[in-house]
Amino acid sequence: MRHVYIRGIMSLIWLAAAIVSGLSGNFEMAVLYVILGGVFLYTAYTTWKKEKDGKGDR
Protein backbone atom coordinates (compact mmCIF):
# COMPACT_ATOMS: atom_id res chain seq x y z
CA MET A 1 0.00 0.00 0.00
CA ARG A 2 2.98 2.28 0.53
CA HIS A 3 3.69 2.43 -3.21
CA VAL A 4 0.19 3.79 -3.79
CA TYR A 5 0.93 6.69 -1.45
CA ILE A 6 4.29 7.30 -3.10
CA ARG A 7 2.68 7.38 -6.55
CA GLY A 8 0.01 9.76 -5.27
CA ILE A 9 2.61 12.10 -3.82
CA MET A 10 4.64 11.95 -7.03
CA SER A 11 1.55 12.86 -9.04
CA LEU A 12 0.93 15.89 -6.82
CA ILE A 13 4.55 16.99 -7.30
CA TRP A 14 4.22 16.71 -11.11
CA LEU A 15 0.94 18.62 -11.06
CA ALA A 16 2.50 21.35 -8.89
CA ALA A 17 5.38 21.57 -11.37
CA ALA A 18 2.79 21.94 -14.15
CA ILE A 19 1.18 24.86 -12.35
CA VAL A 20 4.53 26.58 -11.80
CA SER A 21 5.52 26.02 -15.43
CA GLY A 22 2.19 27.31 -16.64
CA LEU A 23 2.48 30.45 -14.54
CA SER A 24 6.01 31.09 -15.78
CA GLY A 25 4.86 30.80 -19.40
CA ASN A 26 6.49 27.51 -20.32
CA PHE A 27 3.32 25.86 -21.61
CA GLU A 28 5.02 22.97 -23.42
CA MET A 29 6.56 21.72 -20.19
CA ALA A 30 3.31 22.37 -18.33
CA VAL A 31 1.50 20.03 -20.71
CA LEU A 32 4.20 17.39 -20.23
CA TYR A 33 3.96 17.69 -16.45
CA VAL A 34 0.17 17.41 -16.53
CA ILE A 35 0.47 14.22 -18.57
CA LEU A 36 3.07 12.77 -16.20
CA GLY A 37 1.00 13.72 -13.16
CA GLY A 38 -2.07 12.17 -14.72
CA VAL A 39 -0.25 8.92 -15.46
CA PHE A 40 1.06 8.67 -11.91
CA LEU A 41 -2.39 9.47 -10.51
CA TYR A 42 -4.05 6.91 -12.77
CA THR A 43 -1.63 4.14 -11.82
CA ALA A 44 -1.98 4.97 -8.13
CA TYR A 45 -5.78 4.85 -8.38
CA THR A 46 -5.91 1.58 -10.32
CA THR A 47 -3.44 -0.08 -7.95
CA TRP A 48 -5.38 1.18 -4.92
CA LYS A 49 -8.65 -0.05 -6.41
CA LYS A 50 -7.18 -3.48 -7.22
CA GLU A 51 -5.75 -3.89 -3.70
CA LYS A 52 -8.99 -2.70 -2.12
CA ASP A 53 -11.06 -5.23 -4.10
CA GLY A 54 -8.56 -8.03 -3.49
CA LYS A 55 -8.60 -7.65 0.31
CA GLY A 56 -12.31 -8.44 0.50
CA ASP A 57 -11.70 -11.92 -0.93
CA ARG A 58 -9.20 -13.02 1.70
PDB file of N, CA and C in Angstrom:
ATOM      1  N   MET A   1       0.822  -1.193   0.000  1.00  0.00           N
ATOM      2  CA  MET A   1       0.000   0.000   0.000  1.00  0.00           C
ATOM      3  C   MET A   1       0.870   1.262   0.000  1.00  0.00           C
ATOM      4  N   ARG A   2       2.089   1.128   0.464  1.00  0.00           N
ATOM      5  CA  ARG A   2       2.977   2.279   0.533  1.00  0.00           C
ATOM      6  C   ARG A   2       3.267   2.841  -0.860  1.00  0.00           C
ATOM      7  N   HIS A   3       3.396   1.957  -1.858  1.00  0.00           N
ATOM      8  CA  HIS A   3       3.695   2.428  -3.212  1.00  0.00           C
ATOM      9  C   HIS A   3       2.544   3.239  -3.798  1.00  0.00           C
ATOM     10  N   VAL A   4       1.332   2.993  -3.337  1.00  0.00           N
ATOM     11  CA  VAL A   4       0.191   3.794  -3.790  1.00  0.00           C
ATOM     12  C   VAL A   4       0.332   5.215  -3.266  1.00  0.00           C
ATOM     13  N   TYR A   5       0.727   5.355  -2.022  1.00  0.00           N
ATOM     14  CA  TYR A   5       0.932   6.685  -1.450  1.00  0.00           C
ATOM     15  C   TYR A   5       2.074   7.409  -2.142  1.00  0.00           C
ATOM     16  N   ILE A   6       3.141   6.683  -2.439  1.00  0.00           N
ATOM     17  CA  ILE A   6       4.285   7.302  -3.104  1.00  0.00           C
ATOM     18  C   ILE A   6       3.885   7.782  -4.495  1.00  0.00           C
ATOM     19  N   ARG A   7       3.131   6.969  -5.227  1.00  0.00           N
ATOM     20  CA  ARG A   7       2.675   7.385  -6.554  1.00  0.00           C
ATOM     21  C   ARG A   7       1.743   8.581  -6.459  1.00  0.00           C
ATOM     22  N   GLY A   8       0.900   8.616  -5.455  1.00  0.00           N
ATOM     23  CA  GLY A   8       0.008   9.760  -5.265  1.00  0.00           C
ATOM     24  C   GLY A   8       0.775  11.036  -4.981  1.00  0.00           C
ATOM     25  N   ILE A   9       1.787  10.938  -4.138  1.00  0.00           N
ATOM     26  CA  ILE A   9       2.613  12.104  -3.817  1.00  0.00           C
ATOM     27  C   ILE A   9       3.387  12.559  -5.050  1.00  0.00           C
ATOM     28  N   MET A  10       3.915  11.595  -5.805  1.00  0.00           N
ATOM     29  CA  MET A  10       4.638  11.948  -7.030  1.00  0.00           C
ATOM     30  C   MET A  10       3.717  12.652  -8.027  1.00  0.00           C
ATOM     31  N   SER A  11       2.472  12.207  -8.112  1.00  0.00           N
ATOM     32  CA  SER A  11       1.547  12.864  -9.040  1.00  0.00           C
ATOM     33  C   SER A  11       1.263  14.296  -8.595  1.00  0.00           C
ATOM     34  N   LEU A  12       1.142  14.524  -7.300  1.00  0.00           N
ATOM     35  CA  LEU A  12       0.927  15.885  -6.816  1.00  0.00           C
ATOM     36  C   LEU A  12       2.131  16.778  -7.092  1.00  0.00           C
ATOM     37  N   ILE A  13       3.331  16.214  -6.988  1.00  0.00           N
ATOM     38  CA  ILE A  13       4.546  16.987  -7.301  1.00  0.00           C
ATOM     39  C   ILE A  13       4.569  17.363  -8.776  1.00  0.00           C
ATOM     40  N   TRP A  14       4.243  16.404  -9.669  1.00  0.00           N
ATOM     41  CA  TRP A  14       4.220  16.706 -11.108  1.00  0.00           C
ATOM     42  C   TRP A  14       3.160  17.752 -11.426  1.00  0.00           C
ATOM     43  N   LEU A  15       1.997  17.654 -10.783  1.00  0.00           N
ATOM     44  CA  LEU A  15       0.942  18.622 -11.058  1.00  0.00           C
ATOM     45  C   LEU A  15       1.309  20.012 -10.522  1.00  0.00           C
ATOM     46  N   ALA A  16       2.016  20.063  -9.402  1.00  0.00           N
ATOM     47  CA  ALA A  16       2.495  21.350  -8.888  1.00  0.00           C
ATOM     48  C   ALA A  16       3.537  21.946  -9.840  1.00  0.00           C
ATOM     49  N   ALA A  17       4.398  21.099 -10.389  1.00  0.00           N
ATOM     50  CA  ALA A  17       5.376  21.574 -11.371  1.00  0.00           C
ATOM     51  C   ALA A  17       4.668  22.096 -12.616  1.00  0.00           C
ATOM     52  N   ALA A  18       3.559  21.469 -12.989  1.00  0.00           N
ATOM     53  CA  ALA A  18       2.792  21.936 -14.145  1.00  0.00           C
ATOM     54  C   ALA A  18       2.213  23.326 -13.892  1.00  0.00           C
ATOM     55  N   ILE A  19       1.737  23.545 -12.691  1.00  0.00           N
ATOM     56  CA  ILE A  19       1.183  24.858 -12.346  1.00  0.00           C
ATOM     57  C   ILE A  19       2.272  25.926 -12.388  1.00  0.00           C
ATOM     58  N   VAL A  20       3.424  25.617 -11.814  1.00  0.00           N
ATOM     59  CA  VAL A  20       4.527  26.576 -11.803  1.00  0.00           C
ATOM     60  C   VAL A  20       5.001  26.861 -13.230  1.00  0.00           C
ATOM     61  N   SER A  21       5.102  25.827 -14.049  1.00  0.00           N
ATOM     62  CA  SER A  21       5.524  26.022 -15.434  1.00  0.00           C
ATOM     63  C   SER A  21       4.488  26.824 -16.216  1.00  0.00           C
ATOM     64  N   GLY A  22       3.227  26.556 -15.961  1.00  0.00           N
ATOM     65  CA  GLY A  22       2.186  27.311 -16.639  1.00  0.00           C
ATOM     66  C   GLY A  22       2.194  28.783 -16.254  1.00  0.00           C
ATOM     67  N   LEU A  23       2.434  29.055 -14.984  1.00  0.00           N
ATOM     68  CA  LEU A  23       2.484  30.447 -14.535  1.00  0.00           C
ATOM     69  C   LEU A  23       3.709  31.177 -15.067  1.00  0.00           C
ATOM     70  N   SER A  24       4.795  30.449 -15.275  1.00  0.00           N
ATOM     71  CA  SER A  24       6.011  31.087 -15.778  1.00  0.00           C
ATOM     72  C   SER A  24       5.987  31.221 -17.298  1.00  0.00           C
ATOM     73  N   GLY A  25       4.998  30.640 -17.963  1.00  0.00           N
ATOM     74  CA  GLY A  25       4.857  30.801 -19.396  1.00  0.00           C
ATOM     75  C   GLY A  25       5.434  29.669 -20.222  1.00  0.00           C
ATOM     76  N   ASN A  26       5.924  28.638 -19.596  1.00  0.00           N
ATOM     77  CA  ASN A  26       6.493  27.507 -20.315  1.00  0.00           C
ATOM     78  C   ASN A  26       5.391  26.456 -20.493  1.00  0.00           C
ATOM     79  N   PHE A  27       4.520  26.677 -21.464  1.00  0.00           N
ATOM     80  CA  PHE A  27       3.319  25.859 -21.606  1.00  0.00           C
ATOM     81  C   PHE A  27       3.612  24.455 -22.136  1.00  0.00           C
ATOM     82  N   GLU A  28       4.682  24.305 -22.918  1.00  0.00           N
ATOM     83  CA  GLU A  28       5.021  22.973 -23.420  1.00  0.00           C
ATOM     84  C   GLU A  28       5.375  22.040 -22.272  1.00  0.00           C
ATOM     85  N   MET A  29       6.186  22.534 -21.348  1.00  0.00           N
ATOM     86  CA  MET A  29       6.561  21.719 -20.192  1.00  0.00           C
ATOM     87  C   MET A  29       5.376  21.523 -19.255  1.00  0.00           C
ATOM     88  N   ALA A  30       4.499  22.505 -19.172  1.00  0.00           N
ATOM     89  CA  ALA A  30       3.306  22.369 -18.325  1.00  0.00           C
ATOM     90  C   ALA A  30       2.434  21.229 -18.826  1.00  0.00           C
ATOM     91  N   VAL A  31       2.288  21.117 -20.138  1.00  0.00           N
ATOM     92  CA  VAL A  31       1.498  20.025 -20.709  1.00  0.00           C
ATOM     93  C   VAL A  31       2.154  18.681 -20.397  1.00  0.00           C
ATOM     94  N   LEU A  32       3.469  18.622 -20.549  1.00  0.00           N
ATOM     95  CA  LEU A  32       4.195  17.392 -20.232  1.00  0.00           C
ATOM     96  C   LEU A  32       4.018  17.006 -18.769  1.00  0.00           C
ATOM     97  N   TYR A  33       4.106  17.971 -17.879  1.00  0.00           N
ATOM     98  CA  TYR A  33       3.962  17.686 -16.448  1.00  0.00           C
ATOM     99  C   TYR A  33       2.538  17.261 -16.095  1.00  0.00           C
ATOM    100  N   VAL A  34       1.559  17.825 -16.766  1.00  0.00           N
ATOM    101  CA  VAL A  34       0.170  17.406 -16.526  1.00  0.00           C
ATOM    102  C   VAL A  34      -0.013  15.961 -16.961  1.00  0.00           C
ATOM    103  N   ILE A  35       0.568  15.605 -18.103  1.00  0.00           N
ATOM    104  CA  ILE A  35       0.465  14.219 -18.573  1.00  0.00           C
ATOM    105  C   ILE A  35       1.158  13.274 -17.596  1.00  0.00           C
ATOM    106  N   LEU A  36       2.356  13.624 -17.161  1.00  0.00           N
ATOM    107  CA  LEU A  36       3.072  12.772 -16.200  1.00  0.00           C
ATOM    108  C   LEU A  36       2.318  12.652 -14.879  1.00  0.00           C
ATOM    109  N   GLY A  37       1.782  13.762 -14.393  1.00  0.00           N
ATOM    110  CA  GLY A  37       0.997  13.722 -13.164  1.00  0.00           C
ATOM    111  C   GLY A  37      -0.253  12.874 -13.314  1.00  0.00           C
ATOM    112  N   GLY A  38      -0.889  12.972 -14.463  1.00  0.00           N
ATOM    113  CA  GLY A  38      -2.074  12.165 -14.717  1.00  0.00           C
ATOM    114  C   GLY A  38      -1.769  10.682 -14.774  1.00  0.00           C
ATOM    115  N   VAL A  39      -0.638  10.333 -15.387  1.00  0.00           N
ATOM    116  CA  VAL A  39      -0.255   8.924 -15.461  1.00  0.00           C
ATOM    117  C   VAL A  39       0.036   8.376 -14.070  1.00  0.00           C
ATOM    118  N   PHE A  40       0.772   9.127 -13.270  1.00  0.00           N
ATOM    119  CA  PHE A  40       1.056   8.672 -11.906  1.00  0.00           C
ATOM    120  C   PHE A  40      -0.230   8.550 -11.098  1.00  0.00           C
ATOM    121  N   LEU A  41      -1.122   9.509 -11.245  1.00  0.00           N
ATOM    122  CA  LEU A  41      -2.388   9.469 -10.508  1.00  0.00           C
ATOM    123  C   LEU A  41      -3.248   8.300 -10.953  1.00  0.00           C
ATOM    124  N   TYR A  42      -3.272   8.028 -12.252  1.00  0.00           N
ATOM    125  CA  TYR A  42      -4.047   6.908 -12.769  1.00  0.00           C
ATOM    126  C   TYR A  42      -3.512   5.574 -12.265  1.00  0.00           C
ATOM    127  N   THR A  43      -2.191   5.401 -12.295  1.00  0.00           N
ATOM    128  CA  THR A  43      -1.629   4.136 -11.820  1.00  0.00           C
ATOM    129  C   THR A  43      -1.830   3.966 -10.319  1.00  0.00           C
ATOM    130  N   ALA A  44      -1.742   5.060  -9.571  1.00  0.00           N
ATOM    131  CA  ALA A  44      -1.978   4.969  -8.131  1.00  0.00           C
ATOM    132  C   ALA A  44      -3.423   4.569  -7.852  1.00  0.00           C
ATOM    133  N   TYR A  45      -4.361   5.155  -8.596  1.00  0.00           N
ATOM    134  CA  TYR A  45      -5.776   4.847  -8.380  1.00  0.00           C
ATOM    135  C   TYR A  45      -6.095   3.406  -8.756  1.00  0.00           C
ATOM    136  N   THR A  46      -5.601   2.953  -9.905  1.00  0.00           N
ATOM    137  CA  THR A  46      -5.913   1.585 -10.324  1.00  0.00           C
ATOM    138  C   THR A  46      -5.293   0.560  -9.379  1.00  0.00           C
ATOM    139  N   THR A  47      -4.081   0.829  -8.904  1.00  0.00           N
ATOM    140  CA  THR A  47      -3.444  -0.081  -7.950  1.00  0.00           C
ATOM    141  C   THR A  47      -4.206  -0.087  -6.630  1.00  0.00           C
ATOM    142  N   TRP A  48      -4.620   1.085  -6.173  1.00  0.00           N
ATOM    143  CA  TRP A  48      -5.381   1.182  -4.924  1.00  0.00           C
ATOM    144  C   TRP A  48      -6.713   0.443  -5.055  1.00  0.00           C
ATOM    145  N   LYS A  49      -7.364   0.604  -6.190  1.00  0.00           N
ATOM    146  CA  LYS A  49      -8.651  -0.051  -6.405  1.00  0.00           C
ATOM    147  C   LYS A  49      -8.483  -1.573  -6.458  1.00  0.00           C
ATOM    148  N   LYS A  50      -7.421  -2.040  -7.117  1.00  0.00           N
ATOM    149  CA  LYS A  50      -7.178  -3.480  -7.215  1.00  0.00           C
ATOM    150  C   LYS A  50      -6.880  -4.068  -5.835  1.00  0.00           C
ATOM    151  N   GLU A  51      -6.070  -3.383  -5.040  1.00  0.00           N
ATOM    152  CA  GLU A  51      -5.750  -3.890  -3.702  1.00  0.00           C
ATOM    153  C   GLU A  51      -6.971  -3.839  -2.787  1.00  0.00           C
ATOM    154  N   LYS A  52      -7.790  -2.820  -2.931  1.00  0.00           N
ATOM    155  CA  LYS A  52      -8.993  -2.704  -2.116  1.00  0.00           C
ATOM    156  C   LYS A  52      -9.959  -3.837  -2.430  1.00  0.00           C
ATOM    157  N   ASP A  53     -10.155  -4.143  -3.712  1.00  0.00           N
ATOM    158  CA  ASP A  53     -11.059  -5.227  -4.105  1.00  0.00           C
ATOM    159  C   ASP A  53     -10.494  -6.589  -3.742  1.00  0.00           C
ATOM    160  N   GLY A  54      -9.191  -6.747  -3.793  1.00  0.00           N
ATOM    161  CA  GLY A  54      -8.562  -8.030  -3.489  1.00  0.00           C
ATOM    162  C   GLY A  54      -8.592  -8.372  -2.009  1.00  0.00           C
ATOM    163  N   LYS A  55      -8.604  -7.361  -1.129  1.00  0.00           N
ATOM    164  CA  LYS A  55      -8.601  -7.645   0.310  1.00  0.00           C
ATOM    165  C   LYS A  55      -9.923  -8.196   0.795  1.00  0.00           C
ATOM    166  N   GLY A  56     -11.019  -7.926   0.087  1.00  0.00           N
ATOM    167  CA  GLY A  56     -12.313  -8.442   0.498  1.00  0.00           C
ATOM    168  C   GLY A  56     -12.447  -9.933   0.267  1.00  0.00           C
ATOM    169  N   ASP A  57     -11.619 -10.503  -0.612  1.00  0.00           N
ATOM    170  CA  ASP A  57     -11.704 -11.918  -0.930  1.00  0.00           C
ATOM    171  C   ASP A  57     -10.954 -12.790   0.065  1.00  0.00           C
ATOM    172  N   ARG A  58     -10.052 -12.217   0.812  1.00  0.00           N
ATOM    173  CA  ARG A  58      -9.200 -13.018   1.703  1.00  0.00           C
ATOM    174  C   ARG A  58      -9.875 -13.362   2.986  1.00  0.00           C
TER     175      ARG A  58
END
